[in-house]
């Protein structure tokens, strides 16, 4: 519903402008899904760390690290943001082992 309201809100007159409005709605939906996937990946690793199982946490981290990198490659998040998240999650996993 919100996307249709946003599309109607933009009163673009030119055909190219209407096309850009359509494309921006699709891009917004795709980017929102990728942002959600990024956050879900981070949360799943944090949940495994909170459970206290080092082996399981490491397994989940290794499965989700490429997800964080691929989303950063698409410029949804900055590469440094993804690297920071990975670094902190890895440090938490190492602390769990000690």
N, C-alpha and C. Protein backbone atom coordinates (compact mmCIF):
# COMPACT_ATOMS: atom_id res chain seq x y z
N UNK A 1 0.81 -1.19 0.00
CA UNK A 1 0.00 0.00 0.00
C UNK A 1 0.86 1.27 0.00
N UNK A 2 1.91 1.25 0.81
CA UNK A 2 2.74 2.45 0.93
C UNK A 2 3.43 2.79 -0.38
N UNK A 3 3.81 1.75 -1.14
CA UNK A 3 4.49 2.01 -2.40
C UNK A 3 3.57 2.67 -3.41
N UNK A 4 2.32 2.25 -3.44
CA UNK A 4 1.37 2.87 -4.37
C UNK A 4 1.10 4.31 -3.97
N UNK A 5 1.01 4.55 -2.67
CA UNK A 5 0.78 5.92 -2.20
C UNK A 5 1.98 6.80 -2.54
N UNK A 6 3.17 6.23 -2.42
CA UNK A 6 4.37 7.00 -2.75
C UNK A 6 4.43 7.29 -4.25
N UNK A 7 3.98 6.32 -5.05
CA UNK A 7 4.00 6.53 -6.49
C UNK A 7 2.99 7.60 -6.89
N UNK A 8 1.84 7.61 -6.23
CA UNK A 8 0.83 8.61 -6.55
C UNK A 8 1.24 9.98 -6.04
N UNK A 9 2.00 10.00 -4.96
CA UNK A 9 2.42 11.26 -4.37
C UNK A 9 3.31 12.04 -5.34
N UNK A 10 4.15 11.31 -6.07
CA UNK A 10 5.03 11.93 -7.05
C UNK A 10 4.20 12.21 -8.30
N UNK A 11 3.93 13.45 -8.58
CA UNK A 11 3.17 13.76 -9.79
C UNK A 11 4.16 14.13 -10.89
N UNK A 12 4.75 13.09 -11.47
CA UNK A 12 5.73 13.30 -12.52
C UNK A 12 4.99 13.31 -13.86
N UNK A 13 5.42 14.19 -14.72
CA UNK A 13 4.70 14.33 -15.97
C UNK A 13 5.38 13.65 -17.16
N UNK A 14 6.68 13.69 -17.20
CA UNK A 14 7.38 13.14 -18.36
C UNK A 14 7.43 11.62 -18.29
N UNK A 15 7.45 10.97 -19.44
CA UNK A 15 7.53 9.50 -19.45
C UNK A 15 8.79 8.99 -18.74
N UNK A 16 9.91 9.67 -18.94
CA UNK A 16 11.14 9.22 -18.29
C UNK A 16 11.04 9.39 -16.78
N UNK A 17 10.36 10.45 -16.34
CA UNK A 17 10.17 10.66 -14.91
C UNK A 17 9.27 9.60 -14.30
N UNK A 18 8.24 9.21 -15.04
CA UNK A 18 7.34 8.15 -14.56
C UNK A 18 8.09 6.82 -14.45
N UNK A 19 8.96 6.58 -15.43
CA UNK A 19 9.75 5.35 -15.41
C UNK A 19 10.69 5.36 -14.21
N UNK A 20 11.35 6.49 -13.95
CA UNK A 20 12.25 6.59 -12.80
C UNK A 20 11.49 6.35 -11.50
N UNK A 21 10.25 6.85 -11.41
CA UNK A 21 9.45 6.65 -10.20
C UNK A 21 9.16 5.16 -10.01
N UNK A 22 8.82 4.48 -11.11
CA UNK A 22 8.58 3.03 -11.03
C UNK A 22 9.85 2.30 -10.60
N UNK A 23 10.97 2.68 -11.20
CA UNK A 23 12.23 2.00 -10.89
C UNK A 23 12.65 2.24 -9.44
N UNK A 24 12.41 3.45 -8.95
CA UNK A 24 12.82 3.75 -7.58
C UNK A 24 12.02 2.94 -6.58
N UNK A 25 10.76 2.67 -6.89
CA UNK A 25 9.94 1.85 -6.00
C UNK A 25 10.49 0.43 -5.95
N UNK A 26 10.84 -0.12 -7.11
CA UNK A 26 11.40 -1.48 -7.16
C UNK A 26 12.74 -1.54 -6.44
N UNK A 27 13.59 -0.54 -6.68
CA UNK A 27 14.91 -0.51 -6.05
C UNK A 27 14.79 -0.39 -4.54
N UNK A 28 13.85 0.44 -4.09
CA UNK A 28 13.62 0.63 -2.66
C UNK A 28 13.23 -0.70 -2.01
N UNK A 29 12.34 -1.45 -2.67
CA UNK A 29 11.90 -2.74 -2.12
C UNK A 29 13.07 -3.73 -2.06
N UNK A 30 13.89 -3.75 -3.11
CA UNK A 30 15.03 -4.67 -3.14
C UNK A 30 16.06 -4.31 -2.07
N UNK A 31 16.33 -3.01 -1.93
CA UNK A 31 17.31 -2.56 -0.93
C UNK A 31 16.81 -2.83 0.48
N UNK A 32 15.52 -2.65 0.71
CA UNK A 32 14.94 -2.92 2.03
C UNK A 32 15.10 -4.40 2.38
N UNK A 33 14.87 -5.27 1.40
CA UNK A 33 15.02 -6.71 1.64
C UNK A 33 16.47 -7.06 1.96
N UNK A 34 17.42 -6.44 1.25
CA UNK A 34 18.83 -6.73 1.51
C UNK A 34 19.28 -6.20 2.87
N UNK A 35 18.78 -5.01 3.25
CA UNK A 35 19.10 -4.47 4.58
C UNK A 35 18.58 -5.41 5.67
N UNK A 36 17.39 -5.92 5.47
CA UNK A 36 16.79 -6.84 6.42
C UNK A 36 17.61 -8.13 6.51
N UNK A 37 18.07 -8.61 5.35
CA UNK A 37 18.87 -9.84 5.32
C UNK A 37 20.19 -9.64 6.06
N UNK A 38 20.80 -8.47 5.90
CA UNK A 38 22.05 -8.13 6.59
C UNK A 38 21.84 -8.18 8.10
N UNK A 39 20.79 -7.50 8.56
CA UNK A 39 20.52 -7.42 9.99
C UNK A 39 20.15 -8.78 10.57
N UNK A 40 19.43 -9.58 9.80
CA UNK A 40 19.07 -10.93 10.25
C UNK A 40 20.31 -11.79 10.39
N UNK A 41 21.25 -11.65 9.45
CA UNK A 41 22.50 -12.42 9.52
C UNK A 41 23.28 -12.07 10.78
N UNK A 42 23.37 -10.77 11.09
CA UNK A 42 24.09 -10.33 12.28
C UNK A 42 23.38 -10.85 13.53
N UNK A 43 22.06 -10.77 13.55
CA UNK A 43 21.30 -11.23 14.72
C UNK A 43 21.45 -12.73 14.93
N UNK A 44 21.51 -13.50 13.85
CA UNK A 44 21.64 -14.95 13.99
C UNK A 44 22.99 -15.32 14.61
N UNK A 45 24.04 -14.58 14.24
CA UNK A 45 25.36 -14.84 14.84
C UNK A 45 25.34 -14.43 16.31
N UNK A 46 24.75 -13.27 16.61
CA UNK A 46 24.67 -12.82 18.01
C UNK A 46 23.89 -13.81 18.86
N UNK A 47 22.84 -14.37 18.29
CA UNK A 47 22.02 -15.35 19.02
C UNK A 47 22.85 -16.60 19.33
N UNK A 48 23.66 -17.05 18.35
CA UNK A 48 24.52 -18.22 18.56
C UNK A 48 25.58 -17.92 19.62
N UNK A 49 26.09 -16.69 19.63
CA UNK A 49 27.07 -16.30 20.65
C UNK A 49 26.42 -16.29 22.02
N UNK A 50 25.21 -15.76 22.10
CA UNK A 50 24.49 -15.69 23.38
C UNK A 50 24.19 -17.08 23.93
N UNK A 51 24.02 -18.06 23.03
CA UNK A 51 23.76 -19.43 23.47
C UNK A 51 24.98 -20.03 24.15
N UNK A 52 26.18 -19.50 23.83
CA UNK A 52 27.39 -19.95 24.51
C UNK A 52 28.11 -21.10 23.84
N UNK A 53 27.64 -21.56 22.70
CA UNK A 53 28.27 -22.67 21.99
C UNK A 53 29.25 -22.12 20.96
N UNK A 54 30.55 -22.26 21.22
CA UNK A 54 31.58 -21.69 20.35
C UNK A 54 31.54 -22.31 18.96
N UNK A 55 31.42 -23.63 18.88
CA UNK A 55 31.43 -24.30 17.58
C UNK A 55 30.25 -23.87 16.72
N UNK A 56 29.09 -23.80 17.33
CA UNK A 56 27.88 -23.39 16.60
C UNK A 56 27.99 -21.93 16.16
N UNK A 57 28.50 -21.08 17.04
CA UNK A 57 28.65 -19.66 16.72
C UNK A 57 29.62 -19.48 15.55
N UNK A 58 30.71 -20.23 15.57
CA UNK A 58 31.70 -20.14 14.49
C UNK A 58 31.09 -20.61 13.17
N UNK A 59 30.30 -21.67 13.23
CA UNK A 59 29.65 -22.21 12.03
C UNK A 59 28.66 -21.19 11.44
N UNK A 60 27.87 -20.58 12.30
CA UNK A 60 26.90 -19.58 11.84
C UNK A 60 27.62 -18.35 11.28
N UNK A 61 28.71 -17.96 11.94
CA UNK A 61 29.48 -16.80 11.47
C UNK A 61 30.07 -17.06 10.08
N UNK A 62 30.65 -18.25 9.89
CA UNK A 62 31.24 -18.58 8.60
C UNK A 62 30.19 -18.63 7.50
N UNK A 63 28.98 -19.03 7.85
CA UNK A 63 27.90 -19.08 6.85
C UNK A 63 27.40 -17.68 6.50
N UNK A 64 27.44 -16.76 7.47
CA UNK A 64 26.87 -15.43 7.26
C UNK A 64 27.87 -14.36 6.85
N UNK A 65 29.15 -14.60 7.00
CA UNK A 65 30.16 -13.61 6.60
C UNK A 65 30.08 -13.26 5.11
N UNK A 66 29.92 -14.25 4.21
CA UNK A 66 29.79 -13.90 2.80
C UNK A 66 28.53 -13.09 2.49
N UNK A 67 27.48 -13.31 3.28
CA UNK A 67 26.24 -12.54 3.10
C UNK A 67 26.51 -11.07 3.40
N UNK A 68 27.22 -10.80 4.48
CA UNK A 68 27.54 -9.43 4.85
C UNK A 68 28.40 -8.77 3.76
N UNK A 69 29.37 -9.53 3.24
CA UNK A 69 30.25 -8.99 2.20
C UNK A 69 29.49 -8.70 0.91
N UNK A 70 28.61 -9.61 0.51
CA UNK A 70 27.90 -9.43 -0.76
C UNK A 70 26.96 -8.24 -0.70
N UNK A 71 26.34 -8.01 0.45
CA UNK A 71 25.44 -6.87 0.59
C UNK A 71 26.25 -5.57 0.60
N UNK A 72 27.44 -5.61 1.19
CA UNK A 72 28.30 -4.43 1.17
C UNK A 72 28.80 -4.15 -0.25
N UNK A 73 29.05 -5.19 -1.02
CA UNK A 73 29.48 -5.02 -2.41
C UNK A 73 28.41 -4.33 -3.25
N UNK A 74 27.15 -4.50 -2.86
CA UNK A 74 26.04 -3.87 -3.59
C UNK A 74 25.75 -2.46 -3.09
N UNK A 75 26.61 -1.96 -2.21
CA UNK A 75 26.50 -0.60 -1.66
C UNK A 75 25.22 -0.36 -0.87
N UNK A 76 24.66 -1.41 -0.30
CA UNK A 76 23.51 -1.23 0.59
C UNK A 76 24.03 -0.70 1.92
N UNK A 77 25.13 -1.27 2.38
CA UNK A 77 25.88 -0.77 3.52
C UNK A 77 27.29 -0.51 3.03
N UNK A 78 27.98 0.41 3.68
CA UNK A 78 29.36 0.69 3.33
C UNK A 78 30.22 -0.53 3.67
N UNK A 79 31.28 -0.73 2.92
CA UNK A 79 32.15 -1.89 3.15
C UNK A 79 32.76 -1.87 4.54
N UNK A 80 33.07 -0.67 5.04
CA UNK A 80 33.64 -0.57 6.38
C UNK A 80 32.63 -0.97 7.44
N UNK A 81 31.35 -0.71 7.19
CA UNK A 81 30.31 -1.11 8.14
C UNK A 81 30.24 -2.63 8.23
N UNK A 82 30.27 -3.29 7.09
CA UNK A 82 30.25 -4.75 7.07
C UNK A 82 31.50 -5.31 7.75
N UNK A 83 32.65 -4.70 7.46
CA UNK A 83 33.90 -5.16 8.07
C UNK A 83 33.87 -4.97 9.58
N UNK A 84 33.31 -3.85 10.04
CA UNK A 84 33.21 -3.59 11.48
C UNK A 84 32.33 -4.63 12.16
N UNK A 85 31.18 -4.93 11.54
CA UNK A 85 30.28 -5.94 12.11
C UNK A 85 30.97 -7.31 12.18
N UNK A 86 31.64 -7.68 11.09
CA UNK A 86 32.32 -8.97 11.07
C UNK A 86 33.42 -9.03 12.12
N UNK A 87 34.16 -7.94 12.26
CA UNK A 87 35.25 -7.90 13.22
C UNK A 87 34.74 -8.05 14.65
N UNK A 88 33.68 -7.33 14.96
CA UNK A 88 33.14 -7.38 16.32
C UNK A 88 32.51 -8.74 16.62
N UNK A 89 31.84 -9.33 15.63
CA UNK A 89 31.26 -10.66 15.84
C UNK A 89 32.37 -11.69 16.04
N UNK A 90 33.43 -11.57 15.24
CA UNK A 90 34.55 -12.51 15.36
C UNK A 90 35.23 -12.36 16.71
N UNK A 91 35.38 -11.12 17.18
CA UNK A 91 35.99 -10.89 18.49
C UNK A 91 35.13 -11.49 19.59
N UNK A 92 33.81 -11.37 19.45
CA UNK A 92 32.91 -11.95 20.46
C UNK A 92 33.00 -13.47 20.47
N UNK A 93 33.17 -14.05 19.29
CA UNK A 93 33.30 -15.51 19.21
C UNK A 93 34.62 -15.95 19.85
N UNK A 94 35.69 -15.20 19.58
CA UNK A 94 36.99 -15.53 20.19
C UNK A 94 36.93 -15.41 21.71
N UNK A 95 36.23 -14.38 22.18
CA UNK A 95 36.09 -14.19 23.64
C UNK A 95 35.31 -15.33 24.26
N UNK A 96 34.39 -15.88 23.48
CA UNK A 96 33.59 -17.01 23.95
C UNK A 96 34.46 -18.25 24.16
N UNK A 97 35.44 -18.41 23.29
CA UNK A 97 36.33 -19.57 23.37
C UNK A 97 37.27 -19.47 24.58
N UNK A 98 37.63 -18.26 24.93
CA UNK A 98 38.60 -18.07 26.02
C UNK A 98 37.97 -18.24 27.39
